[in-house]
Amino acid sequence: MRQAEIERKTNETDIKLAINLDGSGTYDVKTGIGFFDHMIEQLSRHSLIDITLHAKGDLHIDAHHTTEDVGIALGLAFKKALGDMKGICRYASIDLPMDEALTRAAVDISGRPYLVWHVDFTRDKIGEYDTELFREFFIAFAQNAGITLHIQNIYGENNHHIAESSFKAVARVLRQAISIDERVKNQLPTTKGKLGD
């Protein structure tokens, strides 16, 4: 079973996280940040990765530490749950529409962390949540998951739709890339003999 649990505690955050890569997209998410919870729920539902996430952070300062540390914890759990990565499809890409917004995501589960982020917002906040923190989340996630992740909003007007289509697009490419190809289920998807080096 491709599952992992992570507990991460610092002076800024206290996070307990469990994931199941072979789940059904069920979630229990409580970070104290309403819109961020909504985005993680979308990530779970559309990737079919079960996520249980309880985070307490220094929200009296702002949402930065909680957002970043959730990204770190989720990335670490994702990498741990993938195990030896034998049989995974590894690559995926999608153009995902949400009303007037269209967002592209592409992933390579390579062991080499990198984020390309081309998503612009016309507002500093969605509700009470700082839009600049979406990039911080995906940087932390990609770095700690060891994946190459590209996210580009091709067009859109509604900032909520731009953000949500980004999370849904990432969810869908993760869903495809972590799936097992039965034809090569005992092989690594590389000619090098190992991923990440």
N, C-alpha and C. Protein backbone atom coordinates (compact mmCIF):
# COMPACT_ATOMS: atom_id res chain seq x y z
N MET A 1 0.85 -1.21 0.00
CA MET A 1 0.00 0.00 0.00
C MET A 1 0.87 1.25 0.00
N ARG A 2 0.55 2.16 -0.88
CA ARG A 2 1.35 3.38 -1.00
C ARG A 2 0.76 4.45 -0.10
N GLN A 3 1.15 4.37 1.16
CA GLN A 3 0.64 5.27 2.18
C GLN A 3 1.81 5.86 2.97
N ALA A 4 1.57 7.01 3.59
CA ALA A 4 2.60 7.63 4.42
C ALA A 4 1.96 8.56 5.44
N GLU A 5 2.64 8.68 6.57
CA GLU A 5 2.24 9.63 7.60
C GLU A 5 3.44 10.52 7.93
N ILE A 6 3.16 11.78 8.14
CA ILE A 6 4.20 12.75 8.48
C ILE A 6 3.71 13.58 9.66
N GLU A 7 4.56 13.76 10.64
CA GLU A 7 4.31 14.73 11.71
C GLU A 7 5.45 15.73 11.68
N ARG A 8 5.09 16.99 11.60
CA ARG A 8 6.10 18.06 11.51
C ARG A 8 5.73 19.14 12.51
N LYS A 9 6.65 19.38 13.44
CA LYS A 9 6.39 20.38 14.47
C LYS A 9 7.57 21.34 14.56
N THR A 10 7.26 22.64 14.44
CA THR A 10 8.26 23.68 14.60
C THR A 10 7.70 24.73 15.55
N ASN A 11 8.44 25.79 15.74
CA ASN A 11 7.93 26.90 16.56
C ASN A 11 6.80 27.65 15.87
N GLU A 12 6.61 27.37 14.56
CA GLU A 12 5.61 28.09 13.79
C GLU A 12 4.37 27.26 13.46
N THR A 13 4.57 25.94 13.31
CA THR A 13 3.45 25.08 12.92
C THR A 13 3.52 23.72 13.60
N ASP A 14 2.37 23.07 13.68
CA ASP A 14 2.26 21.70 14.18
C ASP A 14 1.34 20.97 13.20
N ILE A 15 1.92 20.03 12.45
CA ILE A 15 1.19 19.40 11.35
C ILE A 15 1.18 17.89 11.50
N LYS A 16 0.01 17.30 11.34
CA LYS A 16 -0.15 15.85 11.26
C LYS A 16 -0.83 15.55 9.93
N LEU A 17 -0.21 14.69 9.14
CA LEU A 17 -0.66 14.44 7.78
C LEU A 17 -0.57 12.95 7.47
N ALA A 18 -1.61 12.43 6.84
CA ALA A 18 -1.59 11.05 6.33
C ALA A 18 -2.15 11.06 4.92
N ILE A 19 -1.51 10.30 4.02
CA ILE A 19 -2.00 10.20 2.65
C ILE A 19 -2.02 8.75 2.19
N ASN A 20 -2.90 8.47 1.25
CA ASN A 20 -2.97 7.19 0.58
C ASN A 20 -3.06 7.46 -0.91
N LEU A 21 -2.00 7.12 -1.64
CA LEU A 21 -1.96 7.41 -3.07
C LEU A 21 -2.98 6.58 -3.84
N ASP A 22 -3.39 5.46 -3.30
CA ASP A 22 -4.33 4.58 -3.97
C ASP A 22 -5.71 4.67 -3.34
N GLY A 23 -6.11 5.90 -3.00
CA GLY A 23 -7.37 6.12 -2.32
C GLY A 23 -8.51 6.40 -3.28
N SER A 24 -9.51 7.08 -2.74
CA SER A 24 -10.70 7.42 -3.53
C SER A 24 -10.97 8.92 -3.53
N GLY A 25 -10.01 9.70 -3.01
CA GLY A 25 -10.19 11.15 -2.97
C GLY A 25 -10.97 11.63 -1.77
N THR A 26 -10.91 10.88 -0.66
CA THR A 26 -11.55 11.33 0.57
C THR A 26 -10.58 12.21 1.34
N TYR A 27 -11.13 13.15 2.10
CA TYR A 27 -10.27 14.10 2.78
C TYR A 27 -10.87 14.53 4.12
N ASP A 28 -9.97 14.93 4.99
CA ASP A 28 -10.30 15.56 6.26
C ASP A 28 -9.23 16.62 6.47
N VAL A 29 -9.55 17.86 6.10
CA VAL A 29 -8.55 18.92 6.05
C VAL A 29 -8.94 20.05 6.99
N LYS A 30 -8.05 20.36 7.91
CA LYS A 30 -8.27 21.46 8.85
C LYS A 30 -6.95 22.19 9.07
N THR A 31 -6.81 23.36 8.43
CA THR A 31 -5.61 24.17 8.62
C THR A 31 -5.91 25.49 9.32
N GLY A 32 -7.18 25.81 9.48
CA GLY A 32 -7.55 27.11 10.01
C GLY A 32 -7.63 28.20 8.96
N ILE A 33 -7.40 27.81 7.68
CA ILE A 33 -7.42 28.77 6.58
C ILE A 33 -8.45 28.27 5.58
N GLY A 34 -9.61 28.89 5.55
CA GLY A 34 -10.74 28.37 4.80
C GLY A 34 -10.46 28.12 3.33
N PHE A 35 -9.94 29.11 2.62
CA PHE A 35 -9.73 28.93 1.18
C PHE A 35 -8.65 27.91 0.89
N PHE A 36 -7.61 27.88 1.70
CA PHE A 36 -6.54 26.89 1.53
C PHE A 36 -7.09 25.48 1.76
N ASP A 37 -7.93 25.31 2.79
CA ASP A 37 -8.58 24.01 3.00
C ASP A 37 -9.33 23.59 1.74
N HIS A 38 -10.05 24.52 1.15
CA HIS A 38 -10.83 24.24 -0.06
C HIS A 38 -9.93 23.77 -1.19
N MET A 39 -8.76 24.36 -1.33
CA MET A 39 -7.83 23.97 -2.39
C MET A 39 -7.24 22.58 -2.14
N ILE A 40 -6.87 22.28 -0.90
CA ILE A 40 -6.33 20.95 -0.59
C ILE A 40 -7.40 19.89 -0.78
N GLU A 41 -8.64 20.22 -0.46
CA GLU A 41 -9.75 19.29 -0.71
C GLU A 41 -9.90 19.01 -2.20
N GLN A 42 -9.75 20.04 -3.04
CA GLN A 42 -9.80 19.84 -4.49
C GLN A 42 -8.64 18.95 -4.96
N LEU A 43 -7.47 19.18 -4.38
CA LEU A 43 -6.30 18.38 -4.72
C LEU A 43 -6.56 16.91 -4.41
N SER A 44 -7.14 16.64 -3.26
CA SER A 44 -7.45 15.27 -2.86
C SER A 44 -8.50 14.65 -3.77
N ARG A 45 -9.62 15.34 -3.92
CA ARG A 45 -10.74 14.76 -4.67
C ARG A 45 -10.37 14.42 -6.11
N HIS A 46 -9.63 15.31 -6.77
CA HIS A 46 -9.37 15.12 -8.19
C HIS A 46 -8.12 14.29 -8.47
N SER A 47 -7.28 14.09 -7.48
CA SER A 47 -6.13 13.19 -7.64
C SER A 47 -6.45 11.78 -7.19
N LEU A 48 -7.56 11.63 -6.44
CA LEU A 48 -7.93 10.37 -5.78
C LEU A 48 -6.93 9.98 -4.69
N ILE A 49 -6.16 10.95 -4.22
CA ILE A 49 -5.26 10.73 -3.09
C ILE A 49 -6.02 11.08 -1.82
N ASP A 50 -6.18 10.12 -0.92
CA ASP A 50 -6.81 10.41 0.37
C ASP A 50 -5.86 11.26 1.20
N ILE A 51 -6.38 12.34 1.77
CA ILE A 51 -5.56 13.24 2.57
C ILE A 51 -6.26 13.53 3.90
N THR A 52 -5.57 13.22 4.98
CA THR A 52 -5.99 13.66 6.31
C THR A 52 -4.94 14.65 6.79
N LEU A 53 -5.36 15.89 7.01
CA LEU A 53 -4.42 16.96 7.33
C LEU A 53 -4.99 17.81 8.45
N HIS A 54 -4.28 17.85 9.56
CA HIS A 54 -4.62 18.74 10.66
C HIS A 54 -3.39 19.59 10.95
N ALA A 55 -3.53 20.88 10.77
CA ALA A 55 -2.41 21.79 10.95
C ALA A 55 -2.81 22.95 11.85
N LYS A 56 -1.93 23.28 12.78
CA LYS A 56 -2.08 24.47 13.61
C LYS A 56 -0.87 25.34 13.37
N GLY A 57 -1.12 26.59 13.02
CA GLY A 57 -0.01 27.48 12.73
C GLY A 57 -0.19 28.85 13.35
N ASP A 58 0.82 29.67 13.19
CA ASP A 58 0.84 31.01 13.77
C ASP A 58 0.03 31.97 12.89
N LEU A 59 -1.25 31.71 12.79
CA LEU A 59 -2.12 32.50 11.91
C LEU A 59 -2.33 33.92 12.44
N HIS A 60 -1.97 34.18 13.69
CA HIS A 60 -2.03 35.55 14.20
C HIS A 60 -1.00 36.44 13.50
N ILE A 61 0.01 35.80 12.88
CA ILE A 61 0.99 36.54 12.08
C ILE A 61 0.46 36.65 10.65
N ASP A 62 0.37 35.52 9.98
CA ASP A 62 -0.28 35.41 8.67
C ASP A 62 -0.32 33.94 8.30
N ALA A 63 -0.69 33.64 7.06
CA ALA A 63 -0.86 32.24 6.64
C ALA A 63 0.38 31.66 5.98
N HIS A 64 1.46 32.43 5.92
CA HIS A 64 2.63 31.99 5.18
C HIS A 64 3.24 30.70 5.73
N HIS A 65 3.54 30.68 7.02
CA HIS A 65 4.22 29.51 7.60
C HIS A 65 3.37 28.26 7.48
N THR A 66 2.08 28.39 7.72
CA THR A 66 1.19 27.23 7.62
C THR A 66 1.14 26.71 6.19
N THR A 67 1.00 27.61 5.23
CA THR A 67 0.95 27.21 3.83
C THR A 67 2.23 26.50 3.40
N GLU A 68 3.36 27.10 3.70
CA GLU A 68 4.64 26.53 3.29
C GLU A 68 4.89 25.18 3.97
N ASP A 69 4.61 25.10 5.25
CA ASP A 69 4.89 23.87 5.98
C ASP A 69 3.95 22.74 5.59
N VAL A 70 2.72 23.07 5.23
CA VAL A 70 1.82 22.04 4.69
C VAL A 70 2.39 21.53 3.36
N GLY A 71 2.90 22.42 2.52
CA GLY A 71 3.54 22.00 1.28
C GLY A 71 4.72 21.09 1.52
N ILE A 72 5.54 21.43 2.50
CA ILE A 72 6.68 20.58 2.86
C ILE A 72 6.21 19.20 3.31
N ALA A 73 5.27 19.18 4.24
CA ALA A 73 4.79 17.91 4.79
C ALA A 73 4.13 17.05 3.71
N LEU A 74 3.33 17.68 2.86
CA LEU A 74 2.65 16.93 1.80
C LEU A 74 3.66 16.38 0.80
N GLY A 75 4.68 17.17 0.49
CA GLY A 75 5.72 16.69 -0.42
C GLY A 75 6.49 15.52 0.16
N LEU A 76 6.86 15.61 1.44
CA LEU A 76 7.58 14.52 2.09
C LEU A 76 6.74 13.24 2.13
N ALA A 77 5.46 13.40 2.44
CA ALA A 77 4.57 12.24 2.50
C ALA A 77 4.40 11.63 1.10
N PHE A 78 4.26 12.46 0.10
CA PHE A 78 4.11 12.00 -1.28
C PHE A 78 5.32 11.17 -1.70
N LYS A 79 6.51 11.69 -1.44
CA LYS A 79 7.73 10.99 -1.81
C LYS A 79 7.85 9.67 -1.06
N LYS A 80 7.54 9.68 0.21
CA LYS A 80 7.61 8.47 1.02
C LYS A 80 6.62 7.42 0.52
N ALA A 81 5.41 7.86 0.22
CA ALA A 81 4.36 6.92 -0.22
C ALA A 81 4.68 6.32 -1.58
N LEU A 82 5.38 7.04 -2.44
CA LEU A 82 5.73 6.52 -3.77
C LEU A 82 6.66 5.32 -3.68
N GLY A 83 7.44 5.23 -2.61
CA GLY A 83 8.35 4.10 -2.46
C GLY A 83 9.38 4.03 -3.56
N ASP A 84 9.55 2.83 -4.15
CA ASP A 84 10.60 2.65 -5.15
C ASP A 84 10.21 3.17 -6.54
N MET A 85 8.98 3.60 -6.71
CA MET A 85 8.47 4.21 -7.94
C MET A 85 8.40 3.26 -9.12
N LYS A 86 8.55 1.97 -8.89
CA LYS A 86 8.45 1.01 -9.99
C LYS A 86 7.04 1.01 -10.57
N GLY A 87 6.98 1.04 -11.88
CA GLY A 87 5.71 0.91 -12.59
C GLY A 87 4.91 2.17 -12.76
N ILE A 88 5.32 3.28 -12.15
CA ILE A 88 4.52 4.50 -12.28
C ILE A 88 4.60 5.04 -13.70
N CYS A 89 3.56 5.74 -14.12
CA CYS A 89 3.56 6.34 -15.46
C CYS A 89 4.57 7.49 -15.57
N ARG A 90 4.84 8.14 -14.47
CA ARG A 90 5.86 9.17 -14.31
C ARG A 90 5.49 10.52 -14.88
N TYR A 91 5.06 10.59 -16.14
CA TYR A 91 4.76 11.86 -16.80
C TYR A 91 3.26 12.05 -16.96
N ALA A 92 2.82 13.30 -16.95
CA ALA A 92 1.44 13.62 -17.29
C ALA A 92 1.33 15.11 -17.55
N SER A 93 0.35 15.48 -18.38
CA SER A 93 0.04 16.89 -18.58
C SER A 93 -1.44 17.02 -18.90
N ILE A 94 -1.97 18.21 -18.64
CA ILE A 94 -3.39 18.45 -18.89
C ILE A 94 -3.63 19.94 -19.09
N ASP A 95 -4.62 20.27 -19.92
CA ASP A 95 -5.20 21.61 -19.96
C ASP A 95 -6.56 21.50 -19.30
N LEU A 96 -6.73 22.20 -18.18
CA LEU A 96 -7.95 22.04 -17.39
C LEU A 96 -8.77 23.33 -17.40
N PRO A 97 -10.01 23.26 -17.90
CA PRO A 97 -10.87 24.44 -17.91
C PRO A 97 -11.70 24.55 -16.63
N MET A 98 -11.94 25.77 -16.21
CA MET A 98 -12.92 26.05 -15.17
C MET A 98 -13.60 27.36 -15.54
N ASP A 99 -14.79 27.23 -16.11
CA ASP A 99 -15.50 28.40 -16.63
C ASP A 99 -14.61 29.16 -17.61
N GLU A 100 -14.30 30.42 -17.34
CA GLU A 100 -13.54 31.21 -18.30
C GLU A 100 -12.02 30.99 -18.19
N ALA A 101 -11.59 30.25 -17.17
CA ALA A 101 -10.16 30.04 -16.92
C ALA A 101 -9.69 28.72 -17.50
N LEU A 102 -8.47 28.73 -18.02
CA LEU A 102 -7.84 27.51 -18.53
C LEU A 102 -6.42 27.46 -17.97
N THR A 103 -6.11 26.36 -17.30
CA THR A 103 -4.80 26.21 -16.68
C THR A 103 -4.15 24.91 -17.13
N ARG A 104 -2.89 25.00 -17.44
CA ARG A 104 -2.10 23.84 -17.87
C ARG A 104 -1.19 23.41 -16.72
N ALA A 105 -1.11 22.10 -16.50
CA ALA A 105 -0.15 21.54 -15.56
C ALA A 105 0.55 20.36 -16.22
N ALA A 106 1.82 20.20 -15.90
CA ALA A 106 2.61 19.07 -16.38
C ALA A 106 3.54 18.63 -15.27
N VAL A 107 3.77 17.32 -15.17
CA VAL A 107 4.60 16.80 -14.08
C VAL A 107 5.52 15.70 -14.60
N ASP A 108 6.69 15.66 -14.00
CA ASP A 108 7.63 14.56 -14.18
C ASP A 108 8.04 14.12 -12.78
N ILE A 109 7.67 12.90 -12.41
CA ILE A 109 8.08 12.38 -11.11
C ILE A 109 9.47 11.80 -11.30
N SER A 110 10.43 12.67 -11.23
CA SER A 110 11.80 12.38 -11.66
C SER A 110 12.78 12.23 -10.50
N GLY A 111 12.40 12.71 -9.32
CA GLY A 111 13.36 12.82 -8.24
C GLY A 111 14.14 14.12 -8.29
N ARG A 112 13.92 14.90 -9.36
CA ARG A 112 14.61 16.18 -9.51
C ARG A 112 13.60 17.31 -9.30
N PRO A 113 13.67 17.99 -8.18
CA PRO A 113 12.65 19.00 -7.87
C PRO A 113 12.83 20.29 -8.66
N TYR A 114 11.71 20.76 -9.21
CA TYR A 114 11.73 22.03 -9.94
C TYR A 114 10.29 22.50 -10.09
N LEU A 115 10.08 23.79 -9.94
CA LEU A 115 8.77 24.38 -10.19
C LEU A 115 8.88 25.48 -11.22
N VAL A 116 8.05 25.43 -12.23
CA VAL A 116 7.85 26.54 -13.16
C VAL A 116 6.43 27.05 -12.92
N TRP A 117 6.32 28.32 -12.57
CA TRP A 117 5.04 28.91 -12.14
C TRP A 117 4.74 30.13 -13.00
N HIS A 118 3.73 30.02 -13.85
CA HIS A 118 3.29 31.15 -14.66
C HIS A 118 1.80 31.36 -14.40
N VAL A 119 1.51 31.83 -13.21
CA VAL A 119 0.13 32.09 -12.79
C VAL A 119 0.10 33.48 -12.17
N ASP A 120 -0.69 34.35 -12.76
CA ASP A 120 -0.79 35.73 -12.28
C ASP A 120 -2.21 35.99 -11.77
N PHE A 121 -2.28 36.75 -10.70
CA PHE A 121 -3.56 37.13 -10.11
C PHE A 121 -3.72 38.65 -10.19
N THR A 122 -4.95 39.10 -10.31
CA THR A 122 -5.21 40.53 -10.37
C THR A 122 -5.60 41.09 -9.01
N ARG A 123 -5.71 40.22 -8.02
CA ARG A 123 -6.01 40.64 -6.65
C ARG A 123 -4.97 40.08 -5.70
N ASP A 124 -4.68 40.80 -4.63
CA ASP A 124 -3.72 40.34 -3.64
C ASP A 124 -4.29 39.24 -2.76
N LYS A 125 -5.62 39.21 -2.64
CA LYS A 125 -6.25 38.23 -1.75
C LYS A 125 -7.47 37.61 -2.42
N ILE A 126 -7.72 36.35 -2.06
CA ILE A 126 -9.00 35.71 -2.32
C ILE A 126 -9.61 35.45 -0.95
N GLY A 127 -10.68 36.12 -0.64
CA GLY A 127 -11.15 36.13 0.74
C GLY A 127 -10.09 36.78 1.61
N GLU A 128 -9.61 36.05 2.60
CA GLU A 128 -8.55 36.56 3.47
C GLU A 128 -7.19 35.95 3.12
N TYR A 129 -7.13 35.18 2.05
CA TYR A 129 -5.92 34.42 1.73
C TYR A 129 -5.07 35.16 0.69
N ASP A 130 -3.78 35.31 0.97
CA ASP A 130 -2.86 36.00 0.07
C ASP A 130 -2.57 35.15 -1.16
N THR A 131 -2.84 35.68 -2.34
CA THR A 131 -2.65 34.90 -3.55
C THR A 131 -1.18 34.55 -3.81
N GLU A 132 -0.25 35.32 -3.29
CA GLU A 132 1.16 35.01 -3.49
C GLU A 132 1.56 33.70 -2.81
N LEU A 133 0.73 33.23 -1.87
CA LEU A 133 1.06 32.01 -1.13
C LEU A 133 0.83 30.74 -1.93
N PHE A 134 0.05 30.80 -3.01
CA PHE A 134 -0.13 29.61 -3.84
C PHE A 134 1.21 29.14 -4.39
N ARG A 135 2.01 30.07 -4.87
CA ARG A 135 3.34 29.72 -5.39
C ARG A 135 4.20 29.12 -4.28
N GLU A 136 4.14 29.69 -3.08
CA GLU A 136 4.94 29.17 -1.97
C GLU A 136 4.56 27.72 -1.65
N PHE A 137 3.27 27.42 -1.70
CA PHE A 137 2.82 26.05 -1.46
C PHE A 137 3.40 25.10 -2.49
N PHE A 138 3.28 25.45 -3.76
CA PHE A 138 3.72 24.53 -4.81
C PHE A 138 5.24 24.40 -4.86
N ILE A 139 5.97 25.46 -4.51
CA ILE A 139 7.43 25.35 -4.40
C ILE A 139 7.78 24.33 -3.32
N ALA A 140 7.19 24.47 -2.15
CA ALA A 140 7.49 23.57 -1.03
C ALA A 140 7.10 22.14 -1.38
N PHE A 141 5.96 21.97 -2.01
CA PHE A 141 5.51 20.63 -2.37
C PHE A 141 6.46 19.99 -3.39
N ALA A 142 6.77 20.70 -4.48
CA ALA A 142 7.62 20.14 -5.52
C ALA A 142 9.01 19.81 -5.00
N GLN A 143 9.58 20.72 -4.21
CA GLN A 143 10.93 20.51 -3.68
C GLN A 143 10.99 19.26 -2.81
N ASN A 144 10.00 19.07 -1.96
CA ASN A 144 10.04 17.96 -1.01
C ASN A 144 9.50 16.66 -1.58
N ALA A 145 8.66 16.75 -2.61
CA ALA A 145 8.20 15.55 -3.30
C ALA A 145 9.24 15.03 -4.29
N GLY A 146 10.16 15.91 -4.70
CA GLY A 146 11.16 15.52 -5.69
C GLY A 146 10.57 15.40 -7.07
N ILE A 147 9.72 16.35 -7.43
CA ILE A 147 9.07 16.31 -8.75
C ILE A 147 9.35 17.59 -9.51
N THR A 148 9.30 17.47 -10.83
CA THR A 148 9.31 18.65 -11.69
C THR A 148 7.87 18.98 -12.01
N LEU A 149 7.47 20.21 -11.71
CA LEU A 149 6.07 20.61 -11.84
C LEU A 149 5.99 21.94 -12.57
N HIS A 150 5.21 21.97 -13.65
CA HIS A 150 4.97 23.19 -14.41
C HIS A 150 3.49 23.53 -14.28
N ILE A 151 3.20 24.79 -13.95
CA ILE A 151 1.82 25.26 -13.84
C ILE A 151 1.72 26.59 -14.58
N GLN A 152 0.79 26.66 -15.53
CA GLN A 152 0.61 27.89 -16.31
C GLN A 152 -0.87 28.17 -16.48
N ASN A 153 -1.29 29.35 -16.01
CA ASN A 153 -2.64 29.79 -16.33
C ASN A 153 -2.60 30.44 -17.71
N ILE A 154 -3.28 29.82 -18.66
CA ILE A 154 -3.24 30.30 -20.04
C ILE A 154 -4.10 31.54 -20.19
N TYR A 155 -5.29 31.51 -19.59
CA TYR A 155 -6.13 32.70 -19.51
C TYR A 155 -7.18 32.50 -18.43
N GLY A 156 -7.76 33.62 -18.01
CA GLY A 156 -8.78 33.60 -16.97
C GLY A 156 -8.98 34.99 -16.42
N GLU A 157 -10.14 35.23 -15.85
CA GLU A 157 -10.47 36.53 -15.29
C GLU A 157 -10.78 36.46 -13.80
N ASN A 158 -11.46 35.41 -13.38
CA ASN A 158 -11.87 35.26 -11.99
C ASN A 158 -10.75 34.62 -11.20
N ASN A 159 -10.26 35.31 -10.18
CA ASN A 159 -9.10 34.83 -9.43
C ASN A 159 -9.38 33.51 -8.70
N HIS A 160 -10.59 33.33 -8.22
CA HIS A 160 -10.97 32.06 -7.60
C HIS A 160 -10.84 30.93 -8.61
N HIS A 161 -11.31 31.14 -9.82
CA HIS A 161 -11.24 30.12 -10.86
C HIS A 161 -9.80 29.83 -11.26
N ILE A 162 -8.98 30.85 -11.32
CA ILE A 162 -7.56 30.67 -11.67
C ILE A 162 -6.88 29.80 -10.61
N ALA A 163 -7.11 30.10 -9.36
CA ALA A 163 -6.50 29.32 -8.28
C ALA A 163 -7.02 27.89 -8.29
N GLU A 164 -8.33 27.74 -8.35
CA GLU A 164 -8.91 26.40 -8.26
C GLU A 164 -8.55 25.55 -9.46
N SER A 165 -8.51 26.14 -10.64
CA SER A 165 -8.12 25.36 -11.82
C SER A 165 -6.66 24.92 -11.72
N SER A 166 -5.83 25.70 -11.05
CA SER A 166 -4.43 25.32 -10.84
C SER A 166 -4.34 24.07 -9.97
N PHE A 167 -5.07 24.07 -8.86
CA PHE A 167 -5.03 22.91 -7.96
C PHE A 167 -5.65 21.68 -8.62
N LYS A 168 -6.74 21.87 -9.35
CA LYS A 168 -7.38 20.73 -10.01
C LYS A 168 -6.49 20.17 -11.11
N ALA A 169 -5.82 21.04 -11.84
CA ALA A 169 -4.92 20.58 -12.90
C ALA A 169 -3.77 19.78 -12.31
N VAL A 170 -3.18 20.27 -11.23
CA VAL A 170 -2.10 19.53 -10.57
C VAL A 170 -2.63 18.19 -10.05
N ALA A 171 -3.81 18.19 -9.48
CA ALA A 171 -4.40 16.95 -8.99
C ALA A 171 -4.51 15.92 -10.11
N ARG A 172 -5.00 16.36 -11.26
CA ARG A 172 -5.21 15.43 -12.37
C ARG A 172 -3.90 14.89 -12.94
N VAL A 173 -2.86 15.70 -13.00
CA VAL A 173 -1.59 15.17 -13.51
C VAL A 173 -0.93 14.25 -12.49
N LEU A 174 -1.08 14.54 -11.21
CA LEU A 174 -0.55 13.62 -10.20
C LEU A 174 -1.27 12.28 -10.28
N ARG A 175 -2.58 12.34 -10.43
CA ARG A 175 -3.38 11.11 -10.53
C ARG A 175 -2.88 10.22 -11.66
N GLN A 176 -2.60 10.81 -12.80
CA GLN A 176 -2.13 10.03 -13.95
C GLN A 176 -0.69 9.57 -13.76
N ALA A 177 0.18 10.46 -13.28
CA ALA A 177 1.60 10.15 -13.21
C ALA A 177 1.92 9.08 -12.16
N ILE A 178 1.15 9.01 -11.07
CA ILE A 178 1.42 8.01 -10.03
C ILE A 178 0.74 6.67 -10.33
N SER A 179 -0.13 6.64 -11.34
CA SER A 179 -0.82 5.39 -11.63
C SER A 179 0.18 4.35 -12.13
N ILE A 180 -0.13 3.09 -11.87
CA ILE A 180 0.76 1.99 -12.23
C ILE A 180 0.38 1.47 -13.61
N ASP A 181 1.38 1.38 -14.47
CA ASP A 181 1.22 0.77 -15.78
C ASP A 181 1.52 -0.72 -15.62
N GLU A 182 0.50 -1.54 -15.72
CA GLU A 182 0.64 -2.98 -15.46
C GLU A 182 1.64 -3.65 -16.41
N ARG A 183 1.89 -3.06 -17.57
CA ARG A 183 2.83 -3.66 -18.52
C ARG A 183 4.26 -3.61 -18.02
N VAL A 184 4.54 -2.61 -17.15
CA VAL A 184 5.92 -2.44 -16.67
C VAL A 184 5.92 -2.25 -15.15
N LYS A 185 5.04 -2.96 -14.47
CA LYS A 185 4.83 -2.70 -13.04
C LYS A 185 6.05 -3.01 -12.17
N ASN A 186 7.01 -3.75 -12.68
CA ASN A 186 8.21 -4.07 -11.89
C ASN A 186 9.44 -3.35 -12.41
N GLN A 187 9.21 -2.33 -13.25
CA GLN A 187 10.33 -1.60 -13.82
C GLN A 187 10.26 -0.12 -13.44
N LEU A 188 11.41 0.49 -13.32
CA LEU A 188 11.47 1.94 -13.16
C LEU A 188 11.28 2.61 -14.52
N PRO A 189 10.55 3.72 -14.57
CA PRO A 189 10.32 4.41 -15.85
C PRO A 189 11.51 5.29 -16.24
N THR A 190 12.66 4.67 -16.42
CA THR A 190 13.87 5.39 -16.80
C THR A 190 14.87 4.40 -17.38
N THR A 191 15.75 4.87 -18.25
CA THR A 191 16.83 4.01 -18.78
C THR A 191 18.08 4.08 -17.93
N LYS A 192 18.09 4.98 -16.93
CA LYS A 192 19.28 5.16 -16.09
C LYS A 192 19.41 4.11 -15.01
N GLY A 193 18.30 3.45 -14.69
CA GLY A 193 18.33 2.47 -13.63
C GLY A 193 17.96 2.99 -12.28
N LYS A 194 17.84 4.32 -12.16
CA LYS A 194 17.37 4.93 -10.92
C LYS A 194 16.84 6.31 -11.21
N LEU A 195 15.95 6.78 -10.36
CA LEU A 195 15.38 8.12 -10.49
C LEU A 195 15.95 9.01 -9.40
N GLY A 196 16.19 10.27 -9.75
CA GLY A 196 16.54 11.25 -8.75
C GLY A 196 18.00 11.61 -8.70
N ASP A 197 18.84 10.94 -9.45
CA ASP A 197 20.28 11.24 -9.43
C ASP A 197 20.76 11.63 -10.82
